Amino acid sequence: DSDIQKKIDYEIRMREGACKLLAACSQRDQALEASKSLLTCNARIMAYMSELQRMKEAQVMQRVAR
């Protein structure tokens, strides 16, 4: 649980950095790389959040089963 939360927090910080970098880009190639980083961070965040949700659902199902 906390391991996934740490990964989410890390990706959020990376996403914020990519946003700042994208805003500061003056060249097209830089903007493209920053955009790719932003998309990658967003995809990872969504994947980690889905995993966290599945884990929480499994915990609830275990409690209900008891």
N, C-alpha and C. Protein backbone atom coordinates (compact mmCIF):
# COMPACT_ATOMS: atom_id res chain seq x y z
N ASP A 1 0.83 -1.20 0.00
CA ASP A 1 0.00 0.00 0.00
C ASP A 1 0.87 1.26 0.00
N SER A 2 1.75 1.36 0.97
CA SER A 2 2.57 2.57 1.06
C SER A 2 3.61 2.60 -0.07
N ASP A 3 4.04 1.43 -0.54
CA ASP A 3 4.99 1.37 -1.65
C ASP A 3 4.36 1.94 -2.92
N ILE A 4 3.13 1.55 -3.19
CA ILE A 4 2.44 2.08 -4.37
C ILE A 4 2.17 3.57 -4.19
N GLN A 5 1.82 3.98 -2.98
CA GLN A 5 1.58 5.41 -2.73
C GLN A 5 2.85 6.22 -2.96
N LYS A 6 4.01 5.67 -2.57
CA LYS A 6 5.28 6.36 -2.81
C LYS A 6 5.54 6.49 -4.31
N LYS A 7 5.21 5.44 -5.07
CA LYS A 7 5.39 5.49 -6.51
C LYS A 7 4.48 6.54 -7.13
N ILE A 8 3.25 6.61 -6.66
CA ILE A 8 2.31 7.62 -7.16
C ILE A 8 2.83 9.02 -6.85
N ASP A 9 3.28 9.23 -5.62
CA ASP A 9 3.81 10.54 -5.22
C ASP A 9 5.01 10.94 -6.09
N TYR A 10 5.88 9.96 -6.37
CA TYR A 10 7.05 10.22 -7.21
C TYR A 10 6.62 10.63 -8.62
N GLU A 11 5.68 9.90 -9.18
CA GLU A 11 5.21 10.20 -10.53
C GLU A 11 4.51 11.56 -10.59
N ILE A 12 3.81 11.92 -9.53
CA ILE A 12 3.16 13.24 -9.48
C ILE A 12 4.22 14.34 -9.51
N ARG A 13 5.30 14.15 -8.75
CA ARG A 13 6.39 15.14 -8.76
C ARG A 13 7.04 15.20 -10.14
N MET A 14 7.22 14.04 -10.76
CA MET A 14 7.80 14.00 -12.11
C MET A 14 6.88 14.70 -13.11
N ARG A 15 5.57 14.50 -12.95
CA ARG A 15 4.60 15.14 -13.85
C ARG A 15 4.65 16.66 -13.69
N GLU A 16 4.76 17.13 -12.45
CA GLU A 16 4.86 18.57 -12.22
C GLU A 16 6.11 19.14 -12.88
N GLY A 17 7.21 18.40 -12.78
CA GLY A 17 8.45 18.83 -13.43
C GLY A 17 8.32 18.86 -14.94
N ALA A 18 7.66 17.85 -15.50
CA ALA A 18 7.46 17.80 -16.95
C ALA A 18 6.58 18.96 -17.41
N CYS A 19 5.58 19.31 -16.60
CA CYS A 19 4.72 20.46 -16.94
C CYS A 19 5.52 21.75 -16.96
N LYS A 20 6.37 21.93 -15.97
CA LYS A 20 7.20 23.14 -15.92
C LYS A 20 8.16 23.17 -17.09
N LEU A 21 8.74 22.02 -17.40
CA LEU A 21 9.67 21.93 -18.51
C LEU A 21 8.96 22.24 -19.83
N LEU A 22 7.76 21.69 -20.00
CA LEU A 22 6.99 21.95 -21.21
C LEU A 22 6.67 23.43 -21.37
N ALA A 23 6.35 24.08 -20.27
CA ALA A 23 6.04 25.52 -20.31
C ALA A 23 7.27 26.35 -20.68
N ALA A 24 8.45 25.85 -20.33
CA ALA A 24 9.68 26.60 -20.57
C ALA A 24 10.34 26.27 -21.90
N CYS A 25 9.85 25.27 -22.60
CA CYS A 25 10.48 24.84 -23.85
C CYS A 25 10.38 25.91 -24.93
N SER A 26 11.48 26.06 -25.65
CA SER A 26 11.49 27.01 -26.76
C SER A 26 11.66 26.30 -28.10
N GLN A 27 12.05 25.05 -28.05
CA GLN A 27 12.25 24.29 -29.29
C GLN A 27 11.24 23.15 -29.37
N ARG A 28 10.91 22.82 -30.59
CA ARG A 28 9.90 21.79 -30.82
C ARG A 28 10.33 20.43 -30.26
N ASP A 29 11.58 20.06 -30.45
CA ASP A 29 12.07 18.77 -29.95
C ASP A 29 11.99 18.68 -28.43
N GLN A 30 12.32 19.78 -27.77
CA GLN A 30 12.22 19.82 -26.32
C GLN A 30 10.77 19.64 -25.88
N ALA A 31 9.88 20.32 -26.55
CA ALA A 31 8.46 20.23 -26.22
C ALA A 31 7.94 18.82 -26.44
N LEU A 32 8.41 18.18 -27.50
CA LEU A 32 7.99 16.81 -27.78
C LEU A 32 8.44 15.86 -26.68
N GLU A 33 9.69 15.99 -26.26
CA GLU A 33 10.21 15.13 -25.19
C GLU A 33 9.49 15.38 -23.87
N ALA A 34 9.24 16.63 -23.56
CA ALA A 34 8.52 16.97 -22.33
C ALA A 34 7.10 16.43 -22.39
N SER A 35 6.47 16.51 -23.56
CA SER A 35 5.11 15.98 -23.72
C SER A 35 5.09 14.48 -23.53
N LYS A 36 6.09 13.80 -24.09
CA LYS A 36 6.17 12.35 -23.92
C LYS A 36 6.34 11.98 -22.45
N SER A 37 7.18 12.73 -21.76
CA SER A 37 7.38 12.48 -20.33
C SER A 37 6.09 12.68 -19.56
N LEU A 38 5.37 13.71 -19.91
CA LEU A 38 4.10 14.01 -19.27
C LEU A 38 3.10 12.88 -19.48
N LEU A 39 3.00 12.41 -20.71
CA LEU A 39 2.09 11.30 -21.02
C LEU A 39 2.49 10.02 -20.29
N THR A 40 3.79 9.77 -20.23
CA THR A 40 4.28 8.58 -19.54
C THR A 40 3.97 8.64 -18.05
N CYS A 41 4.20 9.79 -17.45
CA CYS A 41 3.89 9.96 -16.03
C CYS A 41 2.41 9.75 -15.77
N ASN A 42 1.57 10.34 -16.62
CA ASN A 42 0.13 10.17 -16.45
C ASN A 42 -0.29 8.72 -16.56
N ALA A 43 0.29 8.00 -17.52
CA ALA A 43 -0.04 6.58 -17.69
C ALA A 43 0.38 5.77 -16.47
N ARG A 44 1.56 6.06 -15.94
CA ARG A 44 2.03 5.34 -14.75
C ARG A 44 1.15 5.64 -13.55
N ILE A 45 0.78 6.90 -13.38
CA ILE A 45 -0.09 7.28 -12.27
C ILE A 45 -1.41 6.52 -12.35
N MET A 46 -2.00 6.47 -13.53
CA MET A 46 -3.26 5.76 -13.71
C MET A 46 -3.09 4.27 -13.41
N ALA A 47 -1.99 3.69 -13.85
CA ALA A 47 -1.74 2.26 -13.60
C ALA A 47 -1.57 2.00 -12.11
N TYR A 48 -0.80 2.85 -11.43
CA TYR A 48 -0.60 2.67 -9.99
C TYR A 48 -1.90 2.86 -9.22
N MET A 49 -2.70 3.83 -9.65
CA MET A 49 -3.97 4.07 -8.96
C MET A 49 -4.92 2.88 -9.16
N SER A 50 -4.91 2.31 -10.34
CA SER A 50 -5.74 1.12 -10.60
C SER A 50 -5.29 -0.05 -9.72
N GLU A 51 -3.98 -0.21 -9.62
CA GLU A 51 -3.44 -1.28 -8.78
C GLU A 51 -3.82 -1.07 -7.32
N LEU A 52 -3.72 0.17 -6.86
CA LEU A 52 -4.09 0.50 -5.49
C LEU A 52 -5.57 0.22 -5.26
N GLN A 53 -6.40 0.58 -6.22
CA GLN A 53 -7.84 0.33 -6.11
C GLN A 53 -8.12 -1.17 -6.03
N ARG A 54 -7.46 -1.96 -6.86
CA ARG A 54 -7.65 -3.43 -6.82
C ARG A 54 -7.25 -3.99 -5.46
N MET A 55 -6.15 -3.48 -4.92
CA MET A 55 -5.69 -3.95 -3.61
C MET A 55 -6.71 -3.62 -2.53
N LYS A 56 -7.23 -2.41 -2.57
CA LYS A 56 -8.22 -2.00 -1.56
C LYS A 56 -9.51 -2.81 -1.70
N GLU A 57 -9.91 -3.09 -2.93
CA GLU A 57 -11.10 -3.92 -3.14
C GLU A 57 -10.88 -5.32 -2.60
N ALA A 58 -9.68 -5.87 -2.81
CA ALA A 58 -9.37 -7.20 -2.30
C ALA A 58 -9.41 -7.22 -0.77
N GLN A 59 -8.92 -6.16 -0.14
CA GLN A 59 -8.96 -6.07 1.31
C GLN A 59 -10.40 -6.04 1.81
N VAL A 60 -11.24 -5.29 1.13
CA VAL A 60 -12.65 -5.22 1.52
C VAL A 60 -13.32 -6.59 1.36
N MET A 61 -13.02 -7.26 0.28
CA MET A 61 -13.61 -8.58 0.04
C MET A 61 -13.15 -9.58 1.12
N GLN A 62 -11.91 -9.48 1.55
CA GLN A 62 -11.42 -10.35 2.62
C GLN A 62 -12.15 -10.09 3.92
N ARG A 63 -12.38 -8.82 4.22
CA ARG A 63 -13.10 -8.47 5.46
C ARG A 63 -14.54 -8.97 5.39
N VAL A 64 -15.16 -8.85 4.24
CA VAL A 64 -16.54 -9.28 4.08
C VAL A 64 -16.62 -10.81 4.22
N ALA A 65 -15.63 -11.50 3.73
CA ALA A 65 -15.61 -12.96 3.76
C ALA A 65 -15.47 -13.48 5.20
N ARG A 66 -14.90 -12.71 6.07
CA ARG A 66 -14.70 -13.12 7.46
C ARG A 66 -15.97 -12.99 8.19
